[in-house]
Amino acid sequence: MRTSVTQFSIEELKAELKRREEAAPPVAKPRDQVDWSGVYDTAVEGITHLVQNGYEPEDFEHWVYESVIGTVYGRDIWLTINKLIK
């Protein structure tokens, strides 16, 4: 049994690192500073459509959800979510 990292080849260490990175669930961290303008724009567009047309746009609630999550966590959050739900 090998007890020291120096007893492994570079290829073995790289393979182990890759295995661990692929096995570990991605970490989602909210942003420290958030720009809410995209959420604001989504809300205004949806309500404007409702007022002008008498009905809510299809998937409006989903658009708002995606806008909020993307704003708080960044657009790359969807890559993380897709990895978690595959």
N, C-alpha and C. Protein backbone atom coordinates (compact mmCIF):
# COMPACT_ATOMS: atom_id res chain seq x y z
N MET A 1 0.84 -1.19 0.00
CA MET A 1 0.00 0.00 0.00
C MET A 1 0.88 1.25 0.00
N ARG A 2 0.51 2.20 -0.86
CA ARG A 2 1.27 3.44 -0.93
C ARG A 2 0.74 4.40 0.13
N THR A 3 1.63 5.04 0.83
CA THR A 3 1.22 5.91 1.93
C THR A 3 1.62 7.36 1.71
N SER A 4 2.29 7.65 0.64
CA SER A 4 2.74 9.02 0.37
C SER A 4 2.36 9.40 -1.05
N VAL A 5 2.02 10.65 -1.24
CA VAL A 5 1.65 11.14 -2.56
C VAL A 5 2.83 11.02 -3.53
N THR A 6 4.03 11.03 -3.02
CA THR A 6 5.20 10.92 -3.88
C THR A 6 5.35 9.52 -4.48
N GLN A 7 4.59 8.57 -4.00
CA GLN A 7 4.65 7.21 -4.50
C GLN A 7 3.74 6.99 -5.71
N PHE A 8 3.02 8.02 -6.11
CA PHE A 8 2.11 7.94 -7.26
C PHE A 8 2.71 8.68 -8.44
N SER A 9 2.43 8.20 -9.63
CA SER A 9 2.89 8.90 -10.83
C SER A 9 2.01 10.13 -11.06
N ILE A 10 2.49 11.04 -11.87
CA ILE A 10 1.73 12.24 -12.23
C ILE A 10 0.41 11.83 -12.90
N GLU A 11 0.46 10.83 -13.76
CA GLU A 11 -0.75 10.37 -14.45
C GLU A 11 -1.77 9.83 -13.46
N GLU A 12 -1.30 9.09 -12.45
CA GLU A 12 -2.21 8.55 -11.44
C GLU A 12 -2.83 9.68 -10.61
N LEU A 13 -2.03 10.68 -10.28
CA LEU A 13 -2.55 11.81 -9.51
C LEU A 13 -3.57 12.61 -10.31
N LYS A 14 -3.27 12.83 -11.58
CA LYS A 14 -4.22 13.55 -12.44
C LYS A 14 -5.52 12.77 -12.59
N ALA A 15 -5.42 11.47 -12.76
CA ALA A 15 -6.62 10.65 -12.90
C ALA A 15 -7.45 10.69 -11.62
N GLU A 16 -6.81 10.65 -10.48
CA GLU A 16 -7.53 10.70 -9.21
C GLU A 16 -8.19 12.07 -9.01
N LEU A 17 -7.49 13.13 -9.36
CA LEU A 17 -8.06 14.47 -9.26
C LEU A 17 -9.29 14.59 -10.16
N LYS A 18 -9.18 14.10 -11.39
CA LYS A 18 -10.32 14.15 -12.31
C LYS A 18 -11.50 13.35 -11.75
N ARG A 19 -11.23 12.16 -11.21
CA ARG A 19 -12.28 11.34 -10.64
C ARG A 19 -12.99 12.06 -9.50
N ARG A 20 -12.22 12.72 -8.65
CA ARG A 20 -12.82 13.43 -7.52
C ARG A 20 -13.62 14.64 -7.96
N GLU A 21 -13.12 15.36 -8.95
CA GLU A 21 -13.85 16.53 -9.46
C GLU A 21 -15.17 16.13 -10.08
N GLU A 22 -15.17 15.02 -10.80
CA GLU A 22 -16.39 14.55 -11.45
C GLU A 22 -17.37 13.96 -10.45
N ALA A 23 -16.86 13.40 -9.37
CA ALA A 23 -17.72 12.77 -8.37
C ALA A 23 -18.33 13.78 -7.40
N ALA A 24 -17.62 14.87 -7.15
CA ALA A 24 -18.09 15.86 -6.18
C ALA A 24 -19.22 16.69 -6.78
N PRO A 25 -20.29 16.88 -6.03
CA PRO A 25 -21.36 17.74 -6.55
C PRO A 25 -20.87 19.17 -6.65
N PRO A 26 -21.26 19.87 -7.69
CA PRO A 26 -20.84 21.26 -7.82
C PRO A 26 -21.43 22.11 -6.69
N VAL A 27 -20.71 23.14 -6.35
CA VAL A 27 -21.15 24.01 -5.27
C VAL A 27 -21.76 25.28 -5.87
N ALA A 28 -22.95 25.60 -5.44
CA ALA A 28 -23.62 26.82 -5.89
C ALA A 28 -23.50 27.86 -4.78
N LYS A 29 -22.94 29.00 -5.12
CA LYS A 29 -22.79 30.07 -4.14
C LYS A 29 -23.45 31.34 -4.68
N PRO A 30 -24.29 31.96 -3.86
CA PRO A 30 -24.90 33.21 -4.31
C PRO A 30 -23.83 34.30 -4.46
N ARG A 31 -24.08 35.20 -5.36
CA ARG A 31 -23.17 36.32 -5.58
C ARG A 31 -23.21 37.27 -4.39
N ASP A 32 -22.10 37.93 -4.16
CA ASP A 32 -22.05 38.93 -3.09
C ASP A 32 -22.82 40.19 -3.46
N GLN A 33 -22.70 40.58 -4.74
CA GLN A 33 -23.42 41.76 -5.22
C GLN A 33 -24.29 41.32 -6.40
N VAL A 34 -25.52 41.78 -6.39
CA VAL A 34 -26.49 41.34 -7.38
C VAL A 34 -27.06 42.54 -8.13
N ASP A 35 -27.16 42.42 -9.45
CA ASP A 35 -27.79 43.43 -10.29
C ASP A 35 -29.19 42.93 -10.65
N TRP A 36 -30.20 43.56 -10.08
CA TRP A 36 -31.59 43.12 -10.25
C TRP A 36 -32.25 43.67 -11.51
N SER A 37 -31.52 44.35 -12.37
CA SER A 37 -32.14 44.98 -13.54
C SER A 37 -32.77 43.94 -14.48
N GLY A 38 -32.17 42.77 -14.61
CA GLY A 38 -32.75 41.73 -15.47
C GLY A 38 -34.08 41.23 -14.94
N VAL A 39 -34.17 41.07 -13.62
CA VAL A 39 -35.44 40.64 -13.00
C VAL A 39 -36.48 41.73 -13.19
N TYR A 40 -36.08 42.96 -12.98
CA TYR A 40 -36.98 44.11 -13.17
C TYR A 40 -37.52 44.12 -14.60
N ASP A 41 -36.62 43.98 -15.57
CA ASP A 41 -37.03 44.00 -16.98
C ASP A 41 -38.00 42.85 -17.30
N THR A 42 -37.72 41.67 -16.76
CA THR A 42 -38.60 40.51 -16.99
C THR A 42 -39.99 40.78 -16.42
N ALA A 43 -40.04 41.33 -15.21
CA ALA A 43 -41.34 41.62 -14.58
C ALA A 43 -42.10 42.67 -15.38
N VAL A 44 -41.42 43.73 -15.79
CA VAL A 44 -42.08 44.80 -16.55
C VAL A 44 -42.61 44.26 -17.88
N GLU A 45 -41.81 43.46 -18.57
CA GLU A 45 -42.25 42.90 -19.85
C GLU A 45 -43.49 42.02 -19.68
N GLY A 46 -43.48 41.20 -18.64
CA GLY A 46 -44.61 40.30 -18.40
C GLY A 46 -45.88 41.04 -18.07
N ILE A 47 -45.78 42.02 -17.19
CA ILE A 47 -46.97 42.79 -16.78
C ILE A 47 -47.44 43.67 -17.94
N THR A 48 -46.52 44.23 -18.70
CA THR A 48 -46.90 45.03 -19.88
C THR A 48 -47.69 44.16 -20.86
N HIS A 49 -47.22 42.95 -21.08
CA HIS A 49 -47.93 42.02 -21.96
C HIS A 49 -49.32 41.73 -21.42
N LEU A 50 -49.43 41.51 -20.11
CA LEU A 50 -50.72 41.23 -19.48
C LEU A 50 -51.68 42.39 -19.68
N VAL A 51 -51.23 43.61 -19.44
CA VAL A 51 -52.08 44.80 -19.57
C VAL A 51 -52.50 45.01 -21.02
N GLN A 52 -51.58 44.85 -21.95
CA GLN A 52 -51.88 45.11 -23.36
C GLN A 52 -52.72 44.02 -24.00
N ASN A 53 -52.56 42.78 -23.55
CA ASN A 53 -53.20 41.66 -24.24
C ASN A 53 -54.28 40.95 -23.42
N GLY A 54 -54.38 41.28 -22.15
CA GLY A 54 -55.41 40.68 -21.32
C GLY A 54 -55.08 39.28 -20.80
N TYR A 55 -53.87 38.82 -21.04
CA TYR A 55 -53.46 37.52 -20.50
C TYR A 55 -51.95 37.53 -20.27
N GLU A 56 -51.55 36.67 -19.36
CA GLU A 56 -50.14 36.55 -19.00
C GLU A 56 -49.39 35.80 -20.09
N PRO A 57 -48.16 36.21 -20.40
CA PRO A 57 -47.41 35.47 -21.41
C PRO A 57 -47.19 34.01 -20.97
N GLU A 58 -47.16 33.13 -21.96
CA GLU A 58 -46.91 31.72 -21.66
C GLU A 58 -45.55 31.58 -20.97
N ASP A 59 -45.48 30.79 -19.94
CA ASP A 59 -44.26 30.52 -19.19
C ASP A 59 -43.70 31.74 -18.44
N PHE A 60 -44.54 32.75 -18.20
CA PHE A 60 -44.08 33.96 -17.52
C PHE A 60 -43.48 33.64 -16.15
N GLU A 61 -44.16 32.80 -15.38
CA GLU A 61 -43.66 32.45 -14.05
C GLU A 61 -42.29 31.78 -14.15
N HIS A 62 -42.12 30.95 -15.15
CA HIS A 62 -40.84 30.28 -15.35
C HIS A 62 -39.75 31.28 -15.72
N TRP A 63 -40.08 32.26 -16.55
CA TRP A 63 -39.10 33.29 -16.92
C TRP A 63 -38.64 34.06 -15.69
N VAL A 64 -39.59 34.40 -14.83
CA VAL A 64 -39.25 35.13 -13.60
C VAL A 64 -38.34 34.27 -12.73
N TYR A 65 -38.71 33.00 -12.56
CA TYR A 65 -37.89 32.08 -11.78
C TYR A 65 -36.46 32.02 -12.32
N GLU A 66 -36.32 31.80 -13.63
CA GLU A 66 -34.99 31.72 -14.23
C GLU A 66 -34.23 33.02 -14.07
N SER A 67 -34.92 34.13 -14.20
CA SER A 67 -34.28 35.43 -14.06
C SER A 67 -33.75 35.64 -12.64
N VAL A 68 -34.56 35.29 -11.65
CA VAL A 68 -34.15 35.45 -10.25
C VAL A 68 -32.98 34.54 -9.91
N ILE A 69 -33.09 33.26 -10.25
CA ILE A 69 -32.02 32.31 -9.94
C ILE A 69 -30.72 32.71 -10.66
N GLY A 70 -30.81 33.08 -11.92
CA GLY A 70 -29.64 33.51 -12.67
C GLY A 70 -29.02 34.77 -12.11
N THR A 71 -29.85 35.67 -11.60
CA THR A 71 -29.35 36.91 -11.02
C THR A 71 -28.61 36.63 -9.72
N VAL A 72 -29.18 35.81 -8.87
CA VAL A 72 -28.59 35.55 -7.56
C VAL A 72 -27.33 34.69 -7.67
N TYR A 73 -27.35 33.68 -8.56
CA TYR A 73 -26.24 32.73 -8.63
C TYR A 73 -25.35 32.90 -9.86
N GLY A 74 -25.76 33.70 -10.83
CA GLY A 74 -25.01 33.84 -12.07
C GLY A 74 -25.56 32.88 -13.12
N ARG A 75 -25.35 33.23 -14.37
CA ARG A 75 -25.93 32.43 -15.46
C ARG A 75 -25.39 31.00 -15.49
N ASP A 76 -24.17 30.79 -15.00
CA ASP A 76 -23.60 29.44 -15.01
C ASP A 76 -24.29 28.49 -14.04
N ILE A 77 -25.18 29.00 -13.21
CA ILE A 77 -25.89 28.13 -12.26
C ILE A 77 -26.65 27.03 -13.00
N TRP A 78 -27.08 27.30 -14.21
CA TRP A 78 -27.86 26.30 -14.95
C TRP A 78 -26.99 25.11 -15.33
N LEU A 79 -25.69 25.31 -15.54
CA LEU A 79 -24.78 24.19 -15.78
C LEU A 79 -24.69 23.32 -14.53
N THR A 80 -24.61 23.96 -13.37
CA THR A 80 -24.56 23.25 -12.11
C THR A 80 -25.86 22.48 -11.88
N ILE A 81 -26.98 23.13 -12.10
CA ILE A 81 -28.28 22.49 -11.91
C ILE A 81 -28.41 21.29 -12.84
N ASN A 82 -28.01 21.44 -14.09
CA ASN A 82 -28.11 20.33 -15.04
C ASN A 82 -27.24 19.14 -14.62
N LYS A 83 -26.07 19.41 -14.04
CA LYS A 83 -25.21 18.32 -13.56
C LYS A 83 -25.89 17.59 -12.39
N LEU A 84 -26.58 18.34 -11.55
CA LEU A 84 -27.20 17.74 -10.37
C LEU A 84 -28.44 16.93 -10.70
N ILE A 85 -29.14 17.27 -11.77
CA ILE A 85 -30.41 16.59 -12.06
C ILE A 85 -30.32 15.58 -13.18
N LYS A 86 -29.13 15.33 -13.70
CA LYS A 86 -29.02 14.38 -14.82
C LYS A 86 -29.24 12.96 -14.39
